[in-house]
N, C-alpha and C. Protein backbone atom coordinates (compact mmCIF):
# COMPACT_ATOMS: atom_id res chain seq x y z
N MET A 1 0.93 -1.63 -0.20
CA MET A 1 -0.07 -0.68 -0.49
C MET A 1 0.87 1.48 0.26
N PRO A 2 0.54 2.33 -0.58
CA PRO A 2 0.87 3.49 -0.93
C PRO A 2 0.73 4.38 0.02
N THR A 3 2.75 4.67 0.99
CA THR A 3 2.97 6.16 1.72
C THR A 3 1.43 7.38 1.80
N ARG A 4 0.71 7.55 2.53
CA ARG A 4 -0.03 9.16 2.53
C ARG A 4 0.76 9.83 4.00
N ILE A 5 1.00 10.19 3.57
CA ILE A 5 1.40 11.21 4.51
C ILE A 5 0.91 12.90 4.46
N LEU A 6 -0.17 13.27 5.64
CA LEU A 6 -0.76 15.02 5.41
C LEU A 6 0.09 15.75 6.46
N LEU A 7 0.76 16.45 6.70
CA LEU A 7 1.38 16.97 7.67
C LEU A 7 0.31 18.56 7.68
N GLU A 8 0.08 18.44 8.58
CA GLU A 8 -1.01 19.16 9.52
C GLU A 8 -0.34 20.09 10.40
N GLY A 9 -0.80 21.41 10.37
CA GLY A 9 -0.12 22.00 10.65
C GLY A 9 -1.16 24.08 11.01
N ARG A 10 -0.47 24.69 12.37
CA ARG A 10 -1.11 26.02 11.55
C ARG A 10 -0.09 27.13 10.96
N PRO A 11 -0.83 28.24 10.49
CA PRO A 11 0.25 28.13 9.22
C PRO A 11 1.48 29.51 10.52
N GLY A 12 2.54 28.55 9.78
CA GLY A 12 3.73 29.70 10.44
C GLY A 12 4.36 29.07 11.11
N VAL A 13 3.70 27.76 11.52
CA VAL A 13 4.63 25.93 12.20
C VAL A 13 6.04 26.01 11.50
N GLY A 14 5.92 26.05 9.96
CA GLY A 14 6.86 25.33 9.73
C GLY A 14 7.05 23.74 8.24
N LYS A 15 5.62 23.84 8.25
CA LYS A 15 5.41 22.45 7.45
C LYS A 15 5.59 22.81 5.93
N THR A 16 6.20 24.24 5.93
CA THR A 16 6.94 24.44 4.37
C THR A 16 8.29 24.12 4.60
N THR A 17 8.99 24.43 5.39
CA THR A 17 10.46 24.12 5.54
C THR A 17 10.39 22.58 6.01
N VAL A 18 9.41 22.04 6.59
CA VAL A 18 9.90 20.23 6.28
C VAL A 18 9.52 19.62 5.22
N ILE A 19 8.92 20.10 4.10
CA ILE A 19 9.23 19.77 2.86
C ILE A 19 10.20 19.99 2.38
N ARG A 20 10.49 21.21 2.63
CA ARG A 20 11.47 21.58 1.58
C ARG A 20 12.92 20.85 2.45
N ARG A 21 13.04 20.80 3.25
CA ARG A 21 14.40 20.27 3.97
C ARG A 21 14.52 18.84 3.63
N LEU A 22 12.73 17.57 3.19
CA LEU A 22 12.86 16.58 3.12
C LEU A 22 13.48 16.16 1.70
N ALA A 23 12.66 16.86 0.53
CA ALA A 23 13.15 17.26 -0.25
C ALA A 23 15.05 17.14 -0.75
N ALA A 24 15.10 18.36 0.53
CA ALA A 24 17.05 18.08 -0.10
C ALA A 24 17.50 16.57 0.73
N LEU A 25 16.77 16.20 1.58
CA LEU A 25 17.69 15.01 1.83
C LEU A 25 17.35 13.76 1.23
N LEU A 26 16.76 13.49 0.63
CA LEU A 26 16.12 12.54 0.06
C LEU A 26 17.28 11.83 -0.96
N ARG A 27 17.83 11.18 -1.32
CA ARG A 27 19.13 10.44 -2.36
C ARG A 27 18.44 9.45 -2.61
N ALA A 28 17.32 8.26 -2.75
CA ALA A 28 17.31 7.01 -3.06
C ALA A 28 15.43 7.65 -4.04
N ARG A 29 15.19 8.44 -3.86
CA ARG A 29 13.96 9.01 -4.67
C ARG A 29 14.39 10.69 -5.11
N ARG A 30 13.39 10.12 -6.07
CA ARG A 30 12.92 11.32 -6.67
C ARG A 30 12.00 12.15 -6.19
N ALA A 31 11.51 12.93 -6.37
CA ALA A 31 10.66 14.10 -5.49
C ALA A 31 10.39 14.52 -6.62
N VAL A 32 8.66 15.00 -7.04
CA VAL A 32 7.97 15.96 -7.84
C VAL A 32 7.20 15.91 -7.19
N GLY A 33 6.36 17.49 -7.66
CA GLY A 33 5.67 18.33 -6.88
C GLY A 33 6.11 19.74 -7.61
N PHE A 34 5.62 20.58 -6.21
CA PHE A 34 6.30 22.36 -5.71
C PHE A 34 6.23 22.21 -3.87
N THR A 35 6.60 23.35 -3.83
CA THR A 35 6.18 24.29 -2.34
C THR A 35 6.03 26.00 -3.33
N THR A 36 5.43 26.28 -2.06
CA THR A 36 4.75 27.32 -1.65
C THR A 36 6.46 28.75 -1.16
N GLU A 37 5.94 29.65 -0.70
CA GLU A 37 7.14 30.46 0.12
C GLU A 37 5.57 32.35 -0.08
N GLU A 38 5.54 32.79 0.89
CA GLU A 38 5.47 34.01 1.07
C GLU A 38 5.97 34.65 -0.12
N ILE A 39 5.94 36.00 -0.52
CA ILE A 39 6.47 37.04 -0.77
C ILE A 39 6.58 38.43 0.08
N ARG A 40 7.61 39.13 0.56
CA ARG A 40 6.93 40.08 1.23
C ARG A 40 7.27 41.45 0.32
N GLN A 41 6.52 42.49 1.05
CA GLN A 41 7.10 43.50 0.83
C GLN A 41 7.37 45.00 1.82
N ASP A 42 8.41 45.06 1.94
CA ASP A 42 8.62 46.48 3.12
C ASP A 42 8.24 45.53 4.76
N GLY A 43 8.61 44.18 4.62
CA GLY A 43 7.91 43.36 5.93
C GLY A 43 6.43 42.95 5.79
N THR A 44 5.60 43.19 4.24
CA THR A 44 4.06 42.69 4.91
C THR A 44 4.19 41.45 3.78
N ARG A 45 3.14 40.82 3.67
CA ARG A 45 2.86 39.66 2.67
C ARG A 45 2.26 40.31 1.68
N THR A 46 2.88 40.52 0.47
CA THR A 46 1.27 40.94 -0.59
C THR A 46 1.04 39.91 -1.56
N GLY A 47 1.81 38.33 -0.65
CA GLY A 47 1.75 37.28 -1.98
C GLY A 47 2.06 35.74 -1.79
N PHE A 48 1.92 35.35 -2.46
CA PHE A 48 2.76 33.82 -2.52
C PHE A 48 2.90 33.45 -3.73
N ALA A 49 4.27 32.99 -3.79
CA ALA A 49 4.84 32.31 -5.19
C ALA A 49 5.32 30.67 -4.53
N LEU A 50 5.07 30.04 -6.45
CA LEU A 50 4.86 28.73 -6.46
C LEU A 50 6.42 28.28 -6.74
N GLU A 51 7.07 27.33 -6.42
CA GLU A 51 8.51 26.29 -6.65
C GLU A 51 8.40 25.02 -7.01
N THR A 52 8.15 24.30 -8.20
CA THR A 52 8.73 23.43 -8.52
C THR A 52 10.18 22.52 -7.78
N LEU A 53 9.40 21.42 -7.51
CA LEU A 53 10.89 21.01 -7.04
C LEU A 53 11.94 19.89 -8.44
N GLU A 54 11.30 20.02 -8.69
CA GLU A 54 11.97 19.52 -10.32
C GLU A 54 12.71 21.07 -11.44
N GLY A 55 13.28 21.36 -11.48
CA GLY A 55 13.93 22.48 -12.41
C GLY A 55 14.26 23.44 -11.63
N GLY A 56 12.84 24.09 -10.55
CA GLY A 56 13.45 25.14 -9.81
C GLY A 56 12.24 26.55 -10.40
N ARG A 57 11.01 25.43 -11.54
CA ARG A 57 11.19 26.79 -11.65
C ARG A 57 9.81 27.99 -10.90
N ARG A 58 9.24 29.06 -10.93
CA ARG A 58 8.81 29.61 -10.07
C ARG A 58 7.60 30.27 -11.04
N GLY A 59 6.63 30.90 -10.19
CA GLY A 59 5.27 31.70 -10.88
C GLY A 59 4.65 32.47 -9.54
N VAL A 60 4.45 33.67 -9.95
CA VAL A 60 3.79 34.52 -8.39
C VAL A 60 2.17 33.50 -8.46
N LEU A 61 1.77 32.47 -7.70
CA LEU A 61 0.42 32.25 -7.39
C LEU A 61 -0.52 33.01 -7.12
N ALA A 62 -0.11 34.26 -6.39
CA ALA A 62 -1.34 35.03 -5.46
C ALA A 62 -0.11 36.84 -5.05
N HIS A 63 -1.70 37.06 -5.09
CA HIS A 63 -1.47 38.37 -4.97
C HIS A 63 -1.85 39.86 -4.62
N VAL A 64 -1.73 40.17 -3.78
CA VAL A 64 -3.02 41.44 -3.56
C VAL A 64 -3.40 42.05 -4.94
N ASP A 65 -2.08 42.54 -4.91
CA ASP A 65 -2.45 43.37 -6.58
C ASP A 65 -3.02 43.07 -7.88
N PHE A 66 -2.89 41.06 -8.46
CA PHE A 66 -3.75 40.53 -9.17
C PHE A 66 -5.30 41.03 -9.25
N PRO A 67 -5.94 40.83 -10.04
CA PRO A 67 -6.80 41.27 -10.58
C PRO A 67 -7.74 39.50 -10.53
N GLY A 68 -8.59 40.08 -9.56
CA GLY A 68 -9.47 38.50 -9.35
C GLY A 68 -11.03 38.39 -10.75
N PRO A 69 -11.51 37.33 -10.28
CA PRO A 69 -11.55 36.22 -9.23
C PRO A 69 -10.14 35.43 -9.74
N PRO A 70 -10.39 34.13 -9.08
CA PRO A 70 -10.59 33.68 -8.00
C PRO A 70 -10.30 34.38 -6.89
N ARG A 71 -10.60 34.73 -5.58
CA ARG A 71 -9.51 35.54 -4.39
C ARG A 71 -9.62 34.26 -3.36
N VAL A 72 -8.97 34.56 -2.44
CA VAL A 72 -8.67 33.78 -1.56
C VAL A 72 -8.19 34.95 -0.65
N GLY A 73 -9.26 35.30 0.54
CA GLY A 73 -8.91 36.45 1.57
C GLY A 73 -8.41 37.64 0.77
N ARG A 74 -7.27 38.27 0.87
CA ARG A 74 -7.18 39.36 -0.02
C ARG A 74 -5.80 38.85 -0.74
N TYR A 75 -5.87 37.76 -1.62
CA TYR A 75 -5.37 37.98 -2.75
C TYR A 75 -6.00 36.56 -3.35
N SER A 76 -5.20 38.19 -4.61
CA SER A 76 -5.89 36.83 -5.95
C SER A 76 -5.02 35.98 -6.60
N VAL A 77 -5.64 34.98 -6.96
CA VAL A 77 -4.84 34.06 -7.66
C VAL A 77 -4.91 33.46 -8.60
N ASP A 78 -3.79 33.27 -9.79
CA ASP A 78 -3.22 33.18 -10.72
C ASP A 78 -3.40 31.39 -10.87
N LEU A 79 -4.94 31.15 -11.53
CA LEU A 79 -4.28 29.22 -12.16
C LEU A 79 -3.60 29.17 -12.65
N GLY A 80 -3.50 29.91 -13.45
CA GLY A 80 -2.50 29.41 -14.72
C GLY A 80 -1.10 29.73 -14.55
N VAL A 81 -0.64 29.55 -12.92
CA VAL A 81 0.56 28.89 -12.43
C VAL A 81 0.52 28.03 -12.12
N MET A 82 -0.76 27.66 -11.66
CA MET A 82 -1.13 25.86 -11.17
C MET A 82 -1.03 25.09 -12.38
N GLU A 83 -1.84 25.74 -13.75
CA GLU A 83 -1.98 25.17 -15.04
C GLU A 83 -0.55 25.07 -15.32
N ARG A 84 0.62 25.78 -15.55
CA ARG A 84 1.99 25.35 -16.26
C ARG A 84 2.97 24.97 -15.50
N LEU A 85 3.00 25.11 -13.63
CA LEU A 85 4.12 24.94 -13.22
C LEU A 85 3.50 23.61 -12.31
N ALA A 86 2.88 24.12 -11.35
CA ALA A 86 1.96 22.50 -10.20
C ALA A 86 1.59 21.46 -11.02
N LEU A 87 0.54 21.34 -12.25
CA LEU A 87 -0.25 19.79 -12.36
C LEU A 87 0.89 19.29 -13.64
N PRO A 88 1.31 19.87 -14.18
CA PRO A 88 2.42 18.78 -15.24
C PRO A 88 3.02 17.69 -14.59
N PRO A 89 3.49 17.86 -13.58
CA PRO A 89 4.59 16.53 -13.03
C PRO A 89 3.69 16.53 -12.13
N LEU A 90 2.62 16.76 -11.57
CA LEU A 90 1.53 15.55 -11.09
C LEU A 90 0.58 14.80 -11.67
N ARG A 91 0.06 15.34 -12.84
CA ARG A 91 -0.52 14.68 -13.92
C ARG A 91 0.07 13.56 -14.60
N SER A 92 1.71 13.37 -14.32
CA SER A 92 2.78 12.58 -14.76
C SER A 92 2.54 11.16 -13.97
N ALA A 93 2.85 11.95 -12.88
CA ALA A 93 3.15 10.55 -11.28
C ALA A 93 2.07 10.48 -11.31
N ALA A 94 0.71 10.70 -11.51
CA ALA A 94 -0.51 10.08 -11.27
C ALA A 94 -0.32 9.29 -12.39
N ALA A 95 -0.14 8.95 -14.31
CA ALA A 95 -1.14 8.10 -14.79
C ALA A 95 0.65 6.87 -15.02
N ASP A 96 1.73 7.53 -15.08
CA ASP A 96 2.67 6.48 -14.84
C ASP A 96 4.07 7.16 -13.93
N PRO A 97 3.49 6.25 -12.47
CA PRO A 97 4.72 6.81 -11.55
C PRO A 97 5.70 6.16 -11.56
N GLU A 98 7.08 6.42 -11.78
CA GLU A 98 8.22 5.43 -11.18
C GLU A 98 8.72 5.10 -9.87
N PRO A 99 8.81 3.50 -10.03
CA PRO A 99 8.93 2.96 -8.74
C PRO A 99 10.08 4.00 -7.57
N ALA A 100 11.12 4.78 -8.02
CA ALA A 100 11.60 5.45 -6.84
C ALA A 100 10.95 7.03 -7.10
N GLU A 101 9.22 7.55 -7.29
CA GLU A 101 9.64 8.40 -7.43
C GLU A 101 8.22 9.05 -6.06
N LEU A 102 8.41 9.92 -5.40
CA LEU A 102 7.52 10.23 -4.58
C LEU A 102 6.88 11.96 -4.92
N VAL A 103 5.81 11.93 -4.74
CA VAL A 103 4.92 13.23 -4.86
C VAL A 103 5.13 14.23 -3.49
N LEU A 104 5.31 15.64 -3.24
CA LEU A 104 5.68 15.95 -2.34
C LEU A 104 4.68 17.74 -2.44
N ILE A 105 3.96 17.81 -1.81
CA ILE A 105 3.14 18.49 -1.92
C ILE A 105 2.76 19.44 -0.75
N ASP A 106 3.16 21.49 -1.06
CA ASP A 106 3.28 22.15 -0.63
C ASP A 106 2.38 23.26 -0.84
N GLU A 107 1.45 22.99 -0.71
CA GLU A 107 0.04 22.18 -0.11
C GLU A 107 -1.06 21.85 -0.60
N LEU A 108 -1.83 22.00 0.37
CA LEU A 108 -3.29 21.36 -0.08
C LEU A 108 -3.61 22.55 0.85
N GLY A 109 -4.15 23.87 -0.30
CA GLY A 109 -4.57 24.87 0.64
C GLY A 109 -5.42 25.68 -0.64
N GLY A 110 -6.21 27.09 0.20
CA GLY A 110 -7.36 27.53 -0.40
C GLY A 110 -7.10 28.05 -1.46
N MET A 111 -6.04 28.53 -2.01
CA MET A 111 -4.97 28.98 -2.96
C MET A 111 -5.02 28.07 -3.83
N GLU A 112 -4.35 27.11 -3.67
CA GLU A 112 -4.19 25.74 -4.49
C GLU A 112 -5.59 24.96 -4.90
N LEU A 113 -6.42 25.00 -3.88
CA LEU A 113 -7.79 24.19 -4.17
C LEU A 113 -8.89 24.72 -4.99
N ALA A 114 -8.36 26.00 -5.65
CA ALA A 114 -9.03 27.62 -5.86
C ALA A 114 -9.14 26.72 -7.32
N CYS A 115 -8.28 26.12 -7.36
CA CYS A 115 -7.79 25.67 -9.10
C CYS A 115 -8.87 24.10 -8.92
N THR A 116 -9.74 24.04 -9.62
CA THR A 116 -10.09 22.69 -9.33
C THR A 116 -9.78 20.91 -10.36
N ALA A 117 -8.38 21.84 -11.26
CA ALA A 117 -7.72 21.22 -12.30
C ALA A 117 -6.59 20.60 -11.00
N PHE A 118 -6.48 21.16 -10.38
CA PHE A 118 -5.77 20.40 -8.89
C PHE A 118 -6.39 19.93 -8.20
N GLN A 119 -7.54 20.36 -7.37
CA GLN A 119 -8.40 18.75 -7.24
C GLN A 119 -8.94 17.88 -7.57
N ASP A 120 -8.72 18.09 -9.54
CA ASP A 120 -9.00 16.64 -9.79
C ASP A 120 -7.65 15.79 -9.81
N ALA A 121 -6.46 16.56 -9.67
CA ALA A 121 -4.76 16.06 -10.24
C ALA A 121 -4.76 15.28 -9.04
N VAL A 122 -4.75 15.91 -7.54
CA VAL A 122 -4.68 15.45 -6.43
C VAL A 122 -5.81 14.12 -5.83
N ARG A 123 -7.08 14.70 -6.65
CA ARG A 123 -8.79 12.73 -6.54
C ARG A 123 -6.89 12.13 -7.08
N CYS A 124 -6.46 11.97 -8.52
CA CYS A 124 -5.84 11.03 -9.09
C CYS A 124 -4.40 10.56 -8.33
N LEU A 125 -4.63 11.09 -7.96
CA LEU A 125 -2.37 10.85 -7.12
C LEU A 125 -2.97 10.18 -5.82
N PHE A 126 -4.13 9.89 -5.14
CA PHE A 126 -4.43 9.67 -4.28
C PHE A 126 -5.08 8.30 -4.32
N ALA A 127 -5.84 7.93 -5.73
CA ALA A 127 -6.24 7.09 -6.41
C ALA A 127 -4.37 6.12 -6.80
N SER A 128 -3.56 6.16 -7.05
CA SER A 128 -3.20 6.18 -7.98
C SER A 128 -2.19 5.29 -6.57
N ASP A 129 -1.22 4.76 -6.60
CA ASP A 129 0.20 3.23 -6.58
C ASP A 129 1.11 4.36 -6.07
N ILE A 130 1.67 6.00 -6.26
CA ILE A 130 2.48 6.36 -5.45
C ILE A 130 2.84 6.99 -4.52
N ASP A 131 3.47 6.95 -3.90
CA ASP A 131 3.43 7.97 -2.15
C ASP A 131 3.55 9.03 -2.19
N ILE A 132 2.59 9.96 -1.43
CA ILE A 132 2.69 11.05 -1.53
C ILE A 132 2.94 11.45 0.03
N VAL A 133 3.45 12.47 -0.20
CA VAL A 133 3.93 14.13 1.72
C VAL A 133 2.99 15.18 0.37
N ALA A 134 2.60 15.58 2.13
CA ALA A 134 1.26 16.68 1.89
C ALA A 134 1.38 17.00 3.07
N THR A 135 1.09 18.59 2.89
CA THR A 135 1.47 19.68 3.92
C THR A 135 -0.48 20.31 3.57
N VAL A 136 -0.75 20.76 5.09
CA VAL A 136 -2.29 20.99 4.86
C VAL A 136 -2.74 21.38 6.19
N HIS A 137 -3.29 22.94 6.10
CA HIS A 137 -4.18 23.55 7.27
C HIS A 137 -4.72 23.16 8.19
N ALA A 138 -4.65 22.90 9.77
CA ALA A 138 -5.06 22.42 10.80
C ALA A 138 -6.27 22.63 10.73
N LYS A 139 -7.01 24.10 10.17
CA LYS A 139 -8.32 24.33 9.60
C LYS A 139 -9.32 23.64 8.84
N SER A 140 -10.67 23.15 9.18
CA SER A 140 -11.30 22.58 8.48
C SER A 140 -11.31 23.28 7.09
N ASP A 141 -11.48 22.42 6.22
CA ASP A 141 -12.10 22.45 4.70
C ASP A 141 -12.55 21.43 4.26
N PRO A 142 -13.82 21.14 3.41
CA PRO A 142 -14.13 19.99 2.77
C PRO A 142 -13.24 19.05 2.06
N PHE A 143 -12.45 19.55 1.05
CA PHE A 143 -11.47 18.95 0.79
C PHE A 143 -10.41 18.21 1.08
N THR A 144 -10.05 18.97 1.74
CA THR A 144 -8.66 18.29 3.07
C THR A 144 -9.58 17.40 4.10
N ASP A 145 -10.08 17.88 4.81
CA ASP A 145 -10.78 16.76 5.20
C ASP A 145 -11.21 15.20 5.11
N ALA A 146 -11.99 15.62 3.79
CA ALA A 146 -12.53 14.17 3.00
C ALA A 146 -11.14 13.13 3.04
N LEU A 147 -9.43 13.81 2.77
CA LEU A 147 -8.33 13.29 2.69
C LEU A 147 -8.18 12.78 3.97
N LYS A 148 -8.30 13.87 4.40
CA LYS A 148 -7.85 13.04 5.89
C LYS A 148 -8.94 11.98 6.65
N ARG A 149 -9.72 11.77 5.93
CA ARG A 149 -10.39 10.75 6.34
C ARG A 149 -10.40 9.29 5.82
N ARG A 150 -9.33 9.63 4.43
CA ARG A 150 -9.30 8.44 3.56
C ARG A 150 -8.50 7.07 4.55
N ILE A 151 -8.86 5.74 4.19
CA ILE A 151 -7.88 4.44 5.38
C ILE A 151 -6.57 4.53 4.55
N GLY A 152 -5.52 4.61 5.38
CA GLY A 152 -4.23 4.92 4.77
C GLY A 152 -3.85 6.56 4.90
N ILE A 153 -4.73 7.09 5.50
CA ILE A 153 -3.56 8.03 5.91
C ILE A 153 -3.16 8.38 7.19
N GLU A 154 -1.32 9.03 6.57
CA GLU A 154 -1.14 9.44 8.19
C GLU A 154 -1.57 11.04 8.10
N LEU A 155 -1.77 11.41 9.02
CA LEU A 155 -1.67 12.53 10.21
C LEU A 155 -0.99 12.40 10.52
N ILE A 156 0.45 13.65 10.45
CA ILE A 156 1.03 14.05 11.58
C ILE A 156 1.05 15.31 11.84
N HIS A 157 1.03 16.02 13.08
CA HIS A 157 0.90 17.08 13.08
C HIS A 157 2.03 18.16 13.73
N VAL A 158 2.18 18.64 12.93
CA VAL A 158 3.59 19.62 13.00
C VAL A 158 3.74 20.86 14.21
N THR A 159 4.79 20.74 14.93
CA THR A 159 4.40 21.63 15.82
C THR A 159 6.20 22.32 16.09
N ARG A 160 6.28 23.80 16.45
CA ARG A 160 7.22 23.88 17.17
C ARG A 160 8.29 22.29 17.39
N ALA A 161 7.73 22.19 18.51
CA ALA A 161 8.85 20.87 19.23
C ALA A 161 9.25 19.51 18.10
N ASN A 162 8.26 19.32 17.10
CA ASN A 162 8.89 18.32 16.13
C ASN A 162 9.60 18.90 14.78
N ARG A 163 8.84 19.83 14.04
CA ARG A 163 9.35 20.42 12.71
C ARG A 163 10.78 20.22 12.79
N ASP A 164 11.71 20.07 12.94
CA ASP A 164 12.97 19.79 12.94
C ASP A 164 13.63 18.90 13.03
N ALA A 165 13.10 17.98 13.76
CA ALA A 165 13.26 16.23 13.52
C ALA A 165 12.68 15.74 12.07
N LEU A 166 11.12 15.99 12.23
CA LEU A 166 10.99 15.68 11.08
C LEU A 166 11.12 15.37 9.24
N PRO A 167 12.36 16.15 8.89
CA PRO A 167 12.44 15.91 7.50
C PRO A 167 12.85 14.10 7.31
N GLN A 168 14.67 14.58 8.60
CA GLN A 168 14.96 13.53 8.52
C GLN A 168 14.58 12.75 9.09
N GLU A 169 13.51 12.24 10.03
CA GLU A 169 12.81 11.06 10.26
C GLU A 169 12.10 10.69 8.98
N LEU A 170 11.11 11.91 8.45
CA LEU A 170 10.79 11.06 6.83
C LEU A 170 11.87 10.66 6.05
N ALA A 171 12.92 11.46 5.92
CA ALA A 171 13.42 11.01 4.21
C ALA A 171 14.03 9.40 4.90
N THR A 172 14.41 9.27 6.30
CA THR A 172 14.93 7.61 6.69
C THR A 172 13.45 6.32 6.01
N ARG A 173 12.51 7.16 7.07
CA ARG A 173 11.57 6.46 6.38
C ARG A 173 11.36 6.03 4.64
N LEU A 174 10.92 7.10 4.09
CA LEU A 174 10.61 7.08 3.08
C LEU A 174 11.67 6.34 2.00
N GLU A 175 13.10 6.43 2.00
CA GLU A 175 14.28 5.74 1.48
C GLU A 175 14.09 4.56 2.17
N GLU A 176 13.99 3.97 3.46
CA GLU A 176 14.14 2.22 3.70
C GLU A 176 12.80 1.39 2.77
N MET A 177 11.85 2.17 2.75
CA MET A 177 10.74 1.95 2.34
C MET A 177 10.57 1.49 1.35
N GLU A 178 11.55 2.59 0.52
CA GLU A 178 11.96 2.08 -1.16
C GLU A 178 12.77 1.04 -1.24
N THR A 179 13.61 0.74 -0.18
CA THR A 179 14.70 -0.71 -0.83
C THR A 179 14.08 -1.84 -0.57
N ARG A 180 12.86 -1.56 0.59
CA ARG A 180 12.22 -3.40 0.96
C ARG A 180 11.97 -3.79 -0.56
């Protein structure tokens, strides 16, 4: 049975850092997917960038100055960034997973889930045989709540106390599984 890990935590606790460090630690596994990060201007958060794990392609996913819709909070989301950057590697992995491949998604959040094609790709991934590690907010959301209830999901709560040790623990575990 494939590994399904959801890293749940409040904003700012370090979920993205866990995913980035995990990707950097992997030696026997090829990780595909993406991370997100805040865009700050003069100390104020103005948006979010998305970066692919393979190739480091970047795009501005959401910004206060973008025209909407869709809007998530005060940010308008550029669904084209999801289509161009996030979806191709996810669709490819779901359609034809390579044995050593692992999908890392940061994150299954409101901005990303504003893209229905992304929701469809995530559903396909969770129906495939590929291992997945994804971050989710602690707050309730119909899409992520349904994922959390699926059989075989391991929900790990990321806290300030465990966030530094998690990347190495997960990397060791995921690479040991690959060698079996």
